[in-house]
Amino acid sequence: MFKDFLKQQQSGLEALSTTGIIGLHLVSGPLVGFGIGYGLDAWLDTDPWGKLLFFLIGIVAGFLNVYRDTRQLVKKMDAETLHKGTHENKPAD
């Protein structure tokens, strides 16, 4: 009984951390892209094209990471649901 409670708590913390990582990906991708573009614009004197281009690339990269993380989370949830369903159908010893 207590082990089940601990598993539920751990599962909740994992979901919370995954949600935080997804939010971090949405913010960090465009920021890193903008930073790279800013540096290239200063170096190559191409203002504002480097910032714009790499900001857009950062947005795409951020959403791609969110898609990957979400897909991985859904697979894990499906596996847990399937695993939980097989344990519930086992006869008691």
Protein backbone atom coordinates (compact mmCIF):
# COMPACT_ATOMS: atom_id res chain seq x y z
CA MET A 1 0.00 0.00 0.00
CA PHE A 2 2.73 2.46 0.99
CA LYS A 3 4.81 1.46 -2.05
CA ASP A 4 1.87 2.30 -4.31
CA PHE A 5 1.61 5.71 -2.67
CA LEU A 6 5.33 6.35 -3.22
CA LYS A 7 5.04 5.31 -6.87
CA GLN A 8 2.16 7.74 -7.37
CA GLN A 9 4.18 10.54 -5.77
CA GLN A 10 7.19 9.76 -7.95
CA SER A 11 5.02 9.64 -11.05
CA GLY A 12 3.56 13.05 -10.19
CA LEU A 13 7.00 14.56 -9.69
CA GLU A 14 8.18 13.14 -13.01
CA ALA A 15 5.18 14.67 -14.78
CA LEU A 16 5.86 18.01 -13.10
CA SER A 17 9.52 17.97 -14.11
CA THR A 18 8.62 17.07 -17.69
CA THR A 19 6.18 19.97 -17.80
CA GLY A 20 8.91 22.30 -16.57
CA ILE A 21 11.32 21.05 -19.20
CA ILE A 22 8.72 21.62 -21.91
CA GLY A 23 8.31 25.23 -20.78
CA LEU A 24 12.06 25.66 -20.69
CA HIS A 25 12.36 24.42 -24.27
CA LEU A 26 9.78 26.93 -25.44
CA VAL A 27 11.74 29.81 -23.94
CA SER A 28 15.35 28.72 -24.37
CA GLY A 29 15.21 27.89 -28.09
CA PRO A 30 14.24 31.38 -29.26
CA LEU A 31 16.55 33.05 -26.72
CA VAL A 32 19.57 31.06 -27.83
CA GLY A 33 18.67 31.67 -31.47
CA PHE A 34 18.35 35.40 -30.87
CA GLY A 35 21.69 35.43 -29.04
CA ILE A 36 23.44 33.67 -31.90
CA GLY A 37 21.83 36.06 -34.39
CA TYR A 38 22.84 39.05 -32.29
CA GLY A 39 26.44 37.89 -32.24
CA LEU A 40 26.51 37.23 -35.96
CA ASP A 41 24.89 40.58 -36.72
CA ALA A 42 27.51 42.38 -34.65
CA TRP A 43 30.33 40.43 -36.29
CA LEU A 44 29.10 40.54 -39.90
CA ASP A 45 27.19 43.86 -39.73
CA THR A 46 24.00 42.30 -41.12
CA ASP A 47 21.55 43.83 -38.64
CA PRO A 48 18.63 42.67 -38.24
CA TRP A 49 18.73 39.62 -40.51
CA GLY A 50 20.82 37.35 -38.31
CA LYS A 51 18.63 38.02 -35.27
CA LEU A 52 15.47 37.41 -37.24
CA LEU A 53 16.70 34.26 -38.96
CA PHE A 54 18.15 32.62 -35.87
CA PHE A 55 15.19 33.67 -33.72
CA LEU A 56 12.89 31.84 -36.14
CA ILE A 57 15.22 28.83 -36.16
CA GLY A 58 15.15 28.91 -32.35
CA ILE A 59 11.34 28.91 -32.35
CA VAL A 60 11.30 25.89 -34.67
CA ALA A 61 13.89 24.11 -32.53
CA GLY A 62 11.93 24.86 -29.36
CA PHE A 63 8.70 23.47 -30.77
CA LEU A 64 10.52 20.44 -32.14
CA ASN A 65 11.89 19.72 -28.66
CA VAL A 66 8.42 20.17 -27.16
CA TYR A 67 7.01 17.73 -29.73
CA ARG A 68 9.69 15.15 -28.92
CA ASP A 69 9.22 15.51 -25.16
CA THR A 70 5.44 15.30 -25.44
CA ARG A 71 5.62 12.23 -27.67
CA GLN A 72 7.99 10.55 -25.20
CA LEU A 73 5.70 11.43 -22.28
CA VAL A 74 2.64 10.02 -24.06
CA LYS A 75 4.49 6.78 -24.85
CA LYS A 76 5.53 6.48 -21.22
CA MET A 77 1.98 7.12 -20.00
CA ASP A 78 0.61 4.53 -22.43
CA ALA A 79 3.17 1.98 -21.27
CA GLU A 80 2.30 2.65 -17.62
CA THR A 81 -1.41 2.32 -18.36
CA LEU A 82 -0.83 -0.95 -20.20
CA HIS A 83 1.43 -2.22 -17.41
CA LYS A 84 -1.07 -1.19 -14.75
CA GLY A 85 -3.90 -2.91 -16.62
CA THR A 86 -2.01 -6.20 -16.79
CA HIS A 87 -1.32 -6.10 -13.05
CA GLU A 88 -4.97 -5.50 -12.23
CA ASN A 89 -6.04 -8.54 -14.25
CA LYS A 90 -3.64 -10.92 -12.49
CA PRO A 91 -5.25 -13.39 -10.11
CA ALA A 92 -4.40 -12.91 -6.45
CA ASP A 93 -1.95 -15.40 -4.95
